[in-house]
Amino acid sequence: MSIPAICNEGCNEQFSIEQFEIEQMNDGVEQTYFECPHCKKRYVAYYTDPEIRKLQANIRNLGKSSQTAKGMKLIEKNKRLMNELRKRMEGGEAV
């Protein structure tokens, strides 16, 4: 499946995102990103670390029961941790 995109921070060309790439960073952190095929501008989708990946696996294992109060708490924790990690990695404001 491809996702339509516009390189709004680079060359302004349209392209399709065919797949995301993963780069191993320090301390087990993985950066998931895609690049504009025209100008090679990198767009970071998200970062994960071992704790976040374990939490995400737990959420996936819940399946439909992720809609329960416990599942929703795990999803909120995941969002918070990912936001904090992005802030730490990029040194900016949390999203």
PDB file of N, CA and C in Angstrom:
ATOM      1  N   MET A   1       0.839  -1.171   0.000  1.00  0.00           N
ATOM      2  CA  MET A   1       0.000   0.000   0.000  1.00  0.00           C
ATOM      3  C   MET A   1       0.890   1.241   0.000  1.00  0.00           C
ATOM      4  N   SER A   2       0.574   2.183  -0.846  1.00  0.00           N
ATOM      5  CA  SER A   2       1.347   3.420  -0.867  1.00  0.00           C
ATOM      6  C   SER A   2       0.504   4.561  -0.295  1.00  0.00           C
ATOM      7  N   ILE A   3       1.209   5.523   0.260  1.00  0.00           N
ATOM      8  CA  ILE A   3       0.560   6.668   0.901  1.00  0.00           C
ATOM      9  C   ILE A   3       0.987   7.911   0.131  1.00  0.00           C
ATOM     10  N   PRO A   4       0.034   8.713  -0.366  1.00  0.00           N
ATOM     11  CA  PRO A   4       0.418   9.932  -1.083  1.00  0.00           C
ATOM     12  C   PRO A   4       1.012  10.965  -0.132  1.00  0.00           C
ATOM     13  N   ALA A   5       2.014  11.683  -0.621  1.00  0.00           N
ATOM     14  CA  ALA A   5       2.680  12.696   0.204  1.00  0.00           C
ATOM     15  C   ALA A   5       3.178  13.832  -0.672  1.00  0.00           C
ATOM     16  N   ILE A   6       3.421  14.960  -0.029  1.00  0.00           N
ATOM     17  CA  ILE A   6       4.039  16.120  -0.677  1.00  0.00           C
ATOM     18  C   ILE A   6       5.235  16.520   0.161  1.00  0.00           C
ATOM     19  N   CYS A   7       6.345  16.774  -0.466  1.00  0.00           N
ATOM     20  CA  CYS A   7       7.566  17.179   0.227  1.00  0.00           C
ATOM     21  C   CYS A   7       7.440  18.657   0.598  1.00  0.00           C
ATOM     22  N   ASN A   8       6.672  18.920   1.659  1.00  0.00           N
ATOM     23  CA  ASN A   8       6.380  20.310   2.028  1.00  0.00           C
ATOM     24  C   ASN A   8       7.514  21.004   2.772  1.00  0.00           C
ATOM     25  N   GLU A   9       8.578  20.285   3.113  1.00  0.00           N
ATOM     26  CA  GLU A   9       9.735  20.908   3.763  1.00  0.00           C
ATOM     27  C   GLU A   9      10.972  20.873   2.864  1.00  0.00           C
ATOM     28  N   GLY A  10      10.786  20.459   1.633  1.00  0.00           N
ATOM     29  CA  GLY A  10      11.914  20.352   0.709  1.00  0.00           C
ATOM     30  C   GLY A  10      11.551  20.909  -0.656  1.00  0.00           C
ATOM     31  N   CYS A  11      11.399  20.007  -1.621  1.00  0.00           N
ATOM     32  CA  CYS A  11      11.234  20.401  -3.022  1.00  0.00           C
ATOM     33  C   CYS A  11       9.783  20.613  -3.463  1.00  0.00           C
ATOM     34  N   ASN A  12       8.808  20.358  -2.587  1.00  0.00           N
ATOM     35  CA  ASN A  12       7.378  20.507  -2.891  1.00  0.00           C
ATOM     36  C   ASN A  12       6.854  19.553  -3.954  1.00  0.00           C
ATOM     37  N   GLU A  13       7.603  18.519  -4.266  1.00  0.00           N
ATOM     38  CA  GLU A  13       7.153  17.511  -5.229  1.00  0.00           C
ATOM     39  C   GLU A  13       6.212  16.520  -4.556  1.00  0.00           C
ATOM     40  N   GLN A  14       5.317  15.948  -5.333  1.00  0.00           N
ATOM     41  CA  GLN A  14       4.439  14.881  -4.850  1.00  0.00           C
ATOM     42  C   GLN A  14       5.132  13.548  -5.043  1.00  0.00           C
ATOM     43  N   PHE A  15       4.866  12.611  -4.133  1.00  0.00           N
ATOM     44  CA  PHE A  15       5.410  11.260  -4.248  1.00  0.00           C
ATOM     45  C   PHE A  15       4.558  10.324  -3.414  1.00  0.00           C
ATOM     46  N   SER A  16       4.813   9.047  -3.521  1.00  0.00           N
ATOM     47  CA  SER A  16       4.115   8.034  -2.738  1.00  0.00           C
ATOM     48  C   SER A  16       5.090   7.399  -1.767  1.00  0.00           C
ATOM     49  N   ILE A  17       4.649   7.247  -0.530  1.00  0.00           N
ATOM     50  CA  ILE A  17       5.459   6.547   0.469  1.00  0.00           C
ATOM     51  C   ILE A  17       5.163   5.065   0.302  1.00  0.00           C
ATOM     52  N   GLU A  18       6.152   4.314  -0.134  1.00  0.00           N
ATOM     53  CA  GLU A  18       5.981   2.880  -0.368  1.00  0.00           C
ATOM     54  C   GLU A  18       6.305   2.077   0.890  1.00  0.00           C
ATOM     55  N   GLN A  19       7.279   2.557   1.632  1.00  0.00           N
ATOM     56  CA  GLN A  19       7.649   1.867   2.870  1.00  0.00           C
ATOM     57  C   GLN A  19       8.399   2.831   3.773  1.00  0.00           C
ATOM     58  N   PHE A  20       8.402   2.499   5.046  1.00  0.00           N
ATOM     59  CA  PHE A  20       9.163   3.264   6.020  1.00  0.00           C
ATOM     60  C   PHE A  20      10.508   2.583   6.226  1.00  0.00           C
ATOM     61  N   GLU A  21      11.513   3.365   6.532  1.00  0.00           N
ATOM     62  CA  GLU A  21      12.846   2.853   6.828  1.00  0.00           C
ATOM     63  C   GLU A  21      13.078   2.955   8.330  1.00  0.00           C
ATOM     64  N   ILE A  22      13.954   2.117   8.843  1.00  0.00           N
ATOM     65  CA  ILE A  22      14.286   2.145  10.265  1.00  0.00           C
ATOM     66  C   ILE A  22      15.789   2.293  10.408  1.00  0.00           C
ATOM     67  N   GLU A  23      16.194   3.276  11.213  1.00  0.00           N
ATOM     68  CA  GLU A  23      17.613   3.481  11.507  1.00  0.00           C
ATOM     69  C   GLU A  23      17.846   3.216  12.990  1.00  0.00           C
ATOM     70  N   GLN A  24      18.852   2.408  13.285  1.00  0.00           N
ATOM     71  CA  GLN A  24      19.228   2.139  14.672  1.00  0.00           C
ATOM     72  C   GLN A  24      20.018   3.326  15.198  1.00  0.00           C
ATOM     73  N   MET A  25      19.572   3.859  16.328  1.00  0.00           N
ATOM     74  CA  MET A  25      20.242   4.985  16.950  1.00  0.00           C
ATOM     75  C   MET A  25      20.954   4.477  18.207  1.00  0.00           C
ATOM     76  N   ASN A  26      21.301   5.356  19.112  1.00  0.00           N
ATOM     77  CA  ASN A  26      21.954   4.983  20.371  1.00  0.00           C
ATOM     78  C   ASN A  26      20.958   4.398  21.365  1.00  0.00           C
ATOM     79  N   ASP A  27      21.463   3.587  22.293  1.00  0.00           N
ATOM     80  CA  ASP A  27      20.686   3.063  23.419  1.00  0.00           C
ATOM     81  C   ASP A  27      19.443   2.288  23.004  1.00  0.00           C
ATOM     82  N   GLY A  28      19.481   1.595  21.871  1.00  0.00           N
ATOM     83  CA  GLY A  28      18.351   0.780  21.439  1.00  0.00           C
ATOM     84  C   GLY A  28      17.211   1.563  20.819  1.00  0.00           C
ATOM     85  N   VAL A  29      17.404   2.853  20.580  1.00  0.00           N
ATOM     86  CA  VAL A  29      16.369   3.677  19.968  1.00  0.00           C
ATOM     87  C   VAL A  29      16.364   3.418  18.460  1.00  0.00           C
ATOM     88  N   GLU A  30      15.158   3.278  17.906  1.00  0.00           N
ATOM     89  CA  GLU A  30      14.993   3.137  16.462  1.00  0.00           C
ATOM     90  C   GLU A  30      14.224   4.346  15.943  1.00  0.00           C
ATOM     91  N   GLN A  31      14.719   4.918  14.849  1.00  0.00           N
ATOM     92  CA  GLN A  31      14.043   6.028  14.183  1.00  0.00           C
ATOM     93  C   GLN A  31      13.349   5.457  12.946  1.00  0.00           C
ATOM     94  N   THR A  32      12.043   5.642  12.855  1.00  0.00           N
ATOM     95  CA  THR A  32      11.291   5.197  11.687  1.00  0.00           C
ATOM     96  C   THR A  32      10.994   6.434  10.850  1.00  0.00           C
ATOM     97  N   TYR A  33      11.313   6.373   9.551  1.00  0.00           N
ATOM     98  CA  TYR A  33      11.228   7.561   8.708  1.00  0.00           C
ATOM     99  C   TYR A  33      10.957   7.171   7.259  1.00  0.00           C
ATOM    100  N   PHE A  34      10.706   8.184   6.429  1.00  0.00           N
ATOM    101  CA  PHE A  34      10.667   8.019   4.982  1.00  0.00           C
ATOM    102  C   PHE A  34      11.378   9.216   4.382  1.00  0.00           C
ATOM    103  N   GLU A  35      11.788   9.100   3.126  1.00  0.00           N
ATOM    104  CA  GLU A  35      12.502  10.182   2.446  1.00  0.00           C
ATOM    105  C   GLU A  35      11.797  10.548   1.149  1.00  0.00           C
ATOM    106  N   CYS A  36      11.879  11.823   0.812  1.00  0.00           N
ATOM    107  CA  CYS A  36      11.416  12.271  -0.496  1.00  0.00           C
ATOM    108  C   CYS A  36      12.344  11.670  -1.541  1.00  0.00           C
ATOM    109  N   PRO A  37      11.821  10.982  -2.543  1.00  0.00           N
ATOM    110  CA  PRO A  37      12.698  10.386  -3.559  1.00  0.00           C
ATOM    111  C   PRO A  37      13.343  11.426  -4.478  1.00  0.00           C
ATOM    112  N   HIS A  38      12.830  12.652  -4.470  1.00  0.00           N
ATOM    113  CA  HIS A  38      13.349  13.699  -5.352  1.00  0.00           C
ATOM    114  C   HIS A  38      14.534  14.433  -4.734  1.00  0.00           C
ATOM    115  N   CYS A  39      14.355  14.914  -3.479  1.00  0.00           N
ATOM    116  CA  CYS A  39      15.399  15.738  -2.860  1.00  0.00           C
ATOM    117  C   CYS A  39      16.038  15.082  -1.632  1.00  0.00           C
ATOM    118  N   LYS A  40      15.543  13.896  -1.267  1.00  0.00           N
ATOM    119  CA  LYS A  40      16.084  13.111  -0.138  1.00  0.00           C
ATOM    120  C   LYS A  40      15.818  13.740   1.227  1.00  0.00           C
ATOM    121  N   LYS A  41      14.859  14.686   1.328  1.00  0.00           N
ATOM    122  CA  LYS A  41      14.474  15.243   2.627  1.00  0.00           C
ATOM    123  C   LYS A  41      13.915  14.105   3.474  1.00  0.00           C
ATOM    124  N   ARG A  42      14.415  13.976   4.711  1.00  0.00           N
ATOM    125  CA  ARG A  42      13.986  12.913   5.616  1.00  0.00           C
ATOM    126  C   ARG A  42      12.868  13.428   6.526  1.00  0.00           C
ATOM    127  N   TYR A  43      11.814  12.630   6.615  1.00  0.00           N
ATOM    128  CA  TYR A  43      10.682  12.908   7.491  1.00  0.00           C
ATOM    129  C   TYR A  43      10.614  11.799   8.536  1.00  0.00           C
ATOM    130  N   VAL A  44      10.787  12.161   9.800  1.00  0.00           N
ATOM    131  CA  VAL A  44      10.743  11.178  10.879  1.00  0.00           C
ATOM    132  C   VAL A  44       9.283  10.940  11.249  1.00  0.00           C
ATOM    133  N   ALA A  45       8.874   9.673  11.191  1.00  0.00           N
ATOM    134  CA  ALA A  45       7.514   9.311  11.586  1.00  0.00           C
ATOM    135  C   ALA A  45       7.438   9.187  13.104  1.00  0.00           C
ATOM    136  N   TYR A  46       8.378   8.425  13.675  1.00  0.00           N
ATOM    137  CA  TYR A  46       8.400   8.233  15.125  1.00  0.00           C
ATOM    138  C   TYR A  46       9.691   7.560  15.559  1.00  0.00           C
ATOM    139  N   TYR A  47       9.893   7.567  16.871  1.00  0.00           N
ATOM    140  CA  TYR A  47      11.017   6.882  17.509  1.00  0.00           C
ATOM    141  C   TYR A  47      10.442   5.837  18.458  1.00  0.00           C
ATOM    142  N   THR A  48      11.156   4.730  18.628  1.00  0.00           N
ATOM    143  CA  THR A  48      10.810   3.752  19.653  1.00  0.00           C
ATOM    144  C   THR A  48      12.085   3.329  20.376  1.00  0.00           C
ATOM    145  N   ASP A  49      11.898   2.873  21.610  1.00  0.00           N
ATOM    146  CA  ASP A  49      13.004   2.284  22.360  1.00  0.00           C
ATOM    147  C   ASP A  49      12.516   0.918  22.846  1.00  0.00           C
ATOM    148  N   PRO A  50      13.364   0.139  23.499  1.00  0.00           N
ATOM    149  CA  PRO A  50      12.929  -1.206  23.920  1.00  0.00           C
ATOM    150  C   PRO A  50      11.658  -1.192  24.775  1.00  0.00           C
ATOM    151  N   GLU A  51      11.526  -0.225  25.680  1.00  0.00           N
ATOM    152  CA  GLU A  51      10.338  -0.166  26.528  1.00  0.00           C
ATOM    153  C   GLU A  51       9.077   0.082  25.701  1.00  0.00           C
ATOM    154  N   ILE A  52       9.156   0.996  24.747  1.00  0.00           N
ATOM    155  CA  ILE A  52       8.007   1.315  23.897  1.00  0.00           C
ATOM    156  C   ILE A  52       7.649   0.119  23.024  1.00  0.00           C
ATOM    157  N   ARG A  53       8.646  -0.540  22.438  1.00  0.00           N
ATOM    158  CA  ARG A  53       8.355  -1.696  21.583  1.00  0.00           C
ATOM    159  C   ARG A  53       7.698  -2.829  22.378  1.00  0.00           C
ATOM    160  N   LYS A  54       8.128  -3.016  23.635  1.00  0.00           N
ATOM    161  CA  LYS A  54       7.520  -4.042  24.481  1.00  0.00           C
ATOM    162  C   LYS A  54       6.068  -3.665  24.792  1.00  0.00           C
ATOM    163  N   LEU A  55       5.832  -2.409  25.103  1.00  0.00           N
ATOM    164  CA  LEU A  55       4.486  -1.930  25.382  1.00  0.00           C
ATOM    165  C   LEU A  55       3.593  -2.097  24.152  1.00  0.00           C
ATOM    166  N   GLN A  56       4.115  -1.783  22.969  1.00  0.00           N
ATOM    167  CA  GLN A  56       3.346  -1.934  21.744  1.00  0.00           C
ATOM    168  C   GLN A  56       2.990  -3.402  21.493  1.00  0.00           C
ATOM    169  N   ALA A  57       3.922  -4.310  21.793  1.00  0.00           N
ATOM    170  CA  ALA A  57       3.642  -5.745  21.648  1.00  0.00           C
ATOM    171  C   ALA A  57       2.524  -6.160  22.598  1.00  0.00           C
ATOM    172  N   ASN A  58       2.550  -5.636  23.819  1.00  0.00           N
ATOM    173  CA  ASN A  58       1.487  -5.943  24.780  1.00  0.00           C
ATOM    174  C   ASN A  58       0.137  -5.444  24.272  1.00  0.00           C
ATOM    175  N   ILE A  59       0.117  -4.257  23.690  1.00  0.00           N
ATOM    176  CA  ILE A  59      -1.128  -3.689  23.148  1.00  0.00           C
ATOM    177  C   ILE A  59      -1.631  -4.561  21.998  1.00  0.00           C
ATOM    178  N   ARG A  60      -0.725  -4.963  21.092  1.00  0.00           N
ATOM    179  CA  ARG A  60      -1.131  -5.831  19.975  1.00  0.00           C
ATOM    180  C   ARG A  60      -1.698  -7.149  20.484  1.00  0.00           C
ATOM    181  N   ASN A  61      -1.070  -7.701  21.532  1.00  0.00           N
ATOM    182  CA  ASN A  61      -1.536  -8.978  22.085  1.00  0.00           C
ATOM    183  C   ASN A  61      -2.915  -8.869  22.716  1.00  0.00           C
ATOM    184  N   LEU A  62      -3.300  -7.682  23.139  1.00  0.00           N
ATOM    185  CA  LEU A  62      -4.634  -7.495  23.704  1.00  0.00           C
ATOM    186  C   LEU A  62      -5.719  -7.643  22.637  1.00  0.00           C
ATOM    187  N   GLY A  63      -5.356  -7.363  21.403  1.00  0.00           N
ATOM    188  CA  GLY A  63      -6.330  -7.464  20.318  1.00  0.00           C
ATOM    189  C   GLY A  63      -7.517  -6.557  20.571  1.00  0.00           C
ATOM    190  N   LYS A  64      -8.713  -7.129  20.433  1.00  0.00           N
ATOM    191  CA  LYS A  64      -9.930  -6.334  20.604  1.00  0.00           C
ATOM    192  C   LYS A  64     -10.090  -5.825  22.028  1.00  0.00           C
ATOM    193  N   SER A  65      -9.493  -6.507  22.982  1.00  0.00           N
ATOM    194  CA  SER A  65      -9.641  -6.038  24.358  1.00  0.00           C
ATOM    195  C   SER A  65      -8.775  -4.821  24.642  1.00  0.00           C
ATOM    196  N   SER A  66      -8.063  -4.310  23.616  1.00  0.00           N
ATOM    197  CA  SER A  66      -7.319  -3.060  23.809  1.00  0.00           C
ATOM    198  C   SER A  66      -8.287  -1.894  23.978  1.00  0.00           C
ATOM    199  N   GLN A  67      -9.573  -2.121  23.695  1.00  0.00           N
ATOM    200  CA  GLN A  67     -10.585  -1.076  23.870  1.00  0.00           C
ATOM    201  C   GLN A  67     -11.078  -0.989  25.307  1.00  0.00           C
ATOM    202  N   THR A  68     -10.625  -1.870  26.167  1.00  0.00           N
ATOM    203  CA  THR A  68     -11.012  -1.827  27.579  1.00  0.00           C
ATOM    204  C   THR A  68     -10.269  -0.689  28.271  1.00  0.00           C
ATOM    205  N   ALA A  69     -10.655  -0.432  29.514  1.00  0.00           N
ATOM    206  CA  ALA A  69      -9.993   0.632  30.279  1.00  0.00           C
ATOM    207  C   ALA A  69      -8.498   0.341  30.413  1.00  0.00           C
ATOM    208  N   LYS A  70      -8.146  -0.919  30.671  1.00  0.00           N
ATOM    209  CA  LYS A  70      -6.721  -1.285  30.788  1.00  0.00           C
ATOM    210  C   LYS A  70      -5.996  -1.051  29.464  1.00  0.00           C
ATOM    211  N   GLY A  71      -6.609  -1.468  28.372  1.00  0.00           N
ATOM    212  CA  GLY A  71      -6.004  -1.275  27.061  1.00  0.00           C
ATOM    213  C   GLY A  71      -5.823   0.190  26.724  1.00  0.00           C
ATOM    214  N   MET A  72      -6.825   0.984  27.047  1.00  0.00           N
ATOM    215  CA  MET A  72      -6.747   2.413  26.760  1.00  0.00           C
ATOM    216  C   MET A  72      -5.659   3.076  27.591  1.00  0.00           C
ATOM    217  N   LYS A  73      -5.465   2.617  28.836  1.00  0.00           N
ATOM    218  CA  LYS A  73      -4.379   3.157  29.669  1.00  0.00           C
ATOM    219  C   LYS A  73      -3.022   2.843  29.047  1.00  0.00           C
ATOM    220  N   LEU A  74      -2.881   1.621  28.501  1.00  0.00           N
ATOM    221  CA  LEU A  74      -1.620   1.240  27.852  1.00  0.00           C
ATOM    222  C   LEU A  74      -1.377   2.085  26.613  1.00  0.00           C
ATOM    223  N   ILE A  75      -2.427   2.338  25.849  1.00  0.00           N
ATOM    224  CA  ILE A  75      -2.299   3.154  24.637  1.00  0.00           C
ATOM    225  C   ILE A  75      -1.895   4.581  25.003  1.00  0.00           C
ATOM    226  N   GLU A  76      -2.493   5.135  26.027  1.00  0.00           N
ATOM    227  CA  GLU A  76      -2.131   6.487  26.476  1.00  0.00           C
ATOM    228  C   GLU A  76      -0.684   6.532  26.969  1.00  0.00           C
ATOM    229  N   LYS A  77      -0.275   5.498  27.700  1.00  0.00           N
ATOM    230  CA  LYS A  77       1.112   5.439  28.173  1.00  0.00           C
ATOM    231  C   LYS A  77       2.062   5.384  26.984  1.00  0.00           C
ATOM    232  N   ASN A  78       1.703   4.588  25.967  1.00  0.00           N
ATOM    233  CA  ASN A  78       2.523   4.479  24.761  1.00  0.00           C
ATOM    234  C   ASN A  78       2.667   5.843  24.090  1.00  0.00           C
ATOM    235  N   LYS A  79       1.573   6.566  23.936  1.00  0.00           N
ATOM    236  CA  LYS A  79       1.624   7.901  23.324  1.00  0.00           C
ATOM    237  C   LYS A  79       2.542   8.830  24.112  1.00  0.00           C
ATOM    238  N   ARG A  80       2.385   8.801  25.436  1.00  0.00           N
ATOM    239  CA  ARG A  80       3.195   9.678  26.294  1.00  0.00           C
ATOM    240  C   ARG A  80       4.681   9.356  26.161  1.00  0.00           C
ATOM    241  N   LEU A  81       5.014   8.062  26.218  1.00  0.00           N
ATOM    242  CA  LEU A  81       6.422   7.663  26.117  1.00  0.00           C
ATOM    243  C   LEU A  81       7.012   8.014  24.754  1.00  0.00           C
ATOM    244  N   MET A  82       6.230   7.809  23.685  1.00  0.00           N
ATOM    245  CA  MET A  82       6.728   8.149  22.345  1.00  0.00           C
ATOM    246  C   MET A  82       6.937   9.650  22.207  1.00  0.00           C
ATOM    247  N   ASN A  83       6.042  10.433  22.777  1.00  0.00           N
ATOM    248  CA  ASN A  83       6.165  11.886  22.733  1.00  0.00           C
ATOM    249  C   ASN A  83       7.408  12.339  23.492  1.00  0.00           C
ATOM    250  N   GLU A  84       7.641  11.765  24.666  1.00  0.00           N
ATOM    251  CA  GLU A  84       8.820  12.114  25.459  1.00  0.00           C
ATOM    252  C   GLU A  84      10.107  11.712  24.742  1.00  0.00           C
ATOM    253  N   LEU A  85      10.090  10.547  24.085  1.00  0.00           N
ATOM    254  CA  LEU A  85      11.282  10.092  23.363  1.00  0.00           C
ATOM    255  C   LEU A  85      11.573  11.010  22.184  1.00  0.00           C
ATOM    256  N   ARG A  86      10.542  11.406  21.441  1.00  0.00           N
ATOM    257  CA  ARG A  86      10.753  12.331  20.307  1.00  0.00           C
ATOM    258  C   ARG A  86      11.369  13.625  20.812  1.00  0.00           C
ATOM    259  N   LYS A  87      10.837  14.140  21.913  1.00  0.00           N
ATOM    260  CA  LYS A  87      11.365  15.387  22.472  1.00  0.00           C
ATOM    261  C   LYS A  87      12.838  15.220  22.853  1.00  0.00           C
ATOM    262  N   ARG A  88      13.154  14.086  23.480  1.00  0.00           N
ATOM    263  CA  ARG A  88      14.542  13.838  23.879  1.00  0.00           C
ATOM    264  C   ARG A  88      15.453  13.706  22.649  1.00  0.00           C
ATOM    265  N   MET A  89      14.996  13.018  21.627  1.00  0.00           N
ATOM    266  CA  MET A  89      15.828  12.778  20.443  1.00  0.00           C
ATOM    267  C   MET A  89      16.010  14.045  19.604  1.00  0.00           C
ATOM    268  N   GLU A  90      14.965  14.856  19.519  1.00  0.00           N
ATOM    269  CA  GLU A  90      15.018  16.022  18.652  1.00  0.00           C
ATOM    270  C   GLU A  90      15.298  17.308  19.415  1.00  0.00           C
ATOM    271  N   GLY A  91      15.267  17.234  20.748  1.00  0.00           N
ATOM    272  CA  GLY A  91      15.584  18.387  21.560  1.00  0.00           C
ATOM    273  C   GLY A  91      14.610  19.534  21.442  1.00  0.00           C
ATOM    274  N   GLY A  92      13.382  19.229  20.999  1.00  0.00           N
ATOM    275  CA  GLY A  92      12.396  20.292  20.846  1.00  0.00           C
ATOM    276  C   GLY A  92      11.197  20.060  21.724  1.00  0.00           C
ATOM    277  N   GLU A  93      10.112  20.658  21.319  1.00  0.00           N
ATOM    278  CA  GLU A  93       8.850  20.534  22.055  1.00  0.00           C
ATOM    279  C   GLU A  93       8.230  19.174  21.794  1.00  0.00           C
ATOM    280  N   ALA A  94       7.585  18.639  22.810  1.00  0.00           N
ATOM    281  CA  ALA A  94       6.836  17.399  22.667  1.00  0.00           C
ATOM    282  C   ALA A  94       5.620  17.683  21.795  1.00  0.00           C
ATOM    283  N   VAL A  95       5.227  16.703  20.992  1.00  0.00           N
ATOM    284  CA  VAL A  95       4.090  16.872  20.070  1.00  0.00           C
ATOM    285  C   VAL A  95       2.802  16.521  20.767  1.00  0.00           C
TER     286      VAL A  95
END
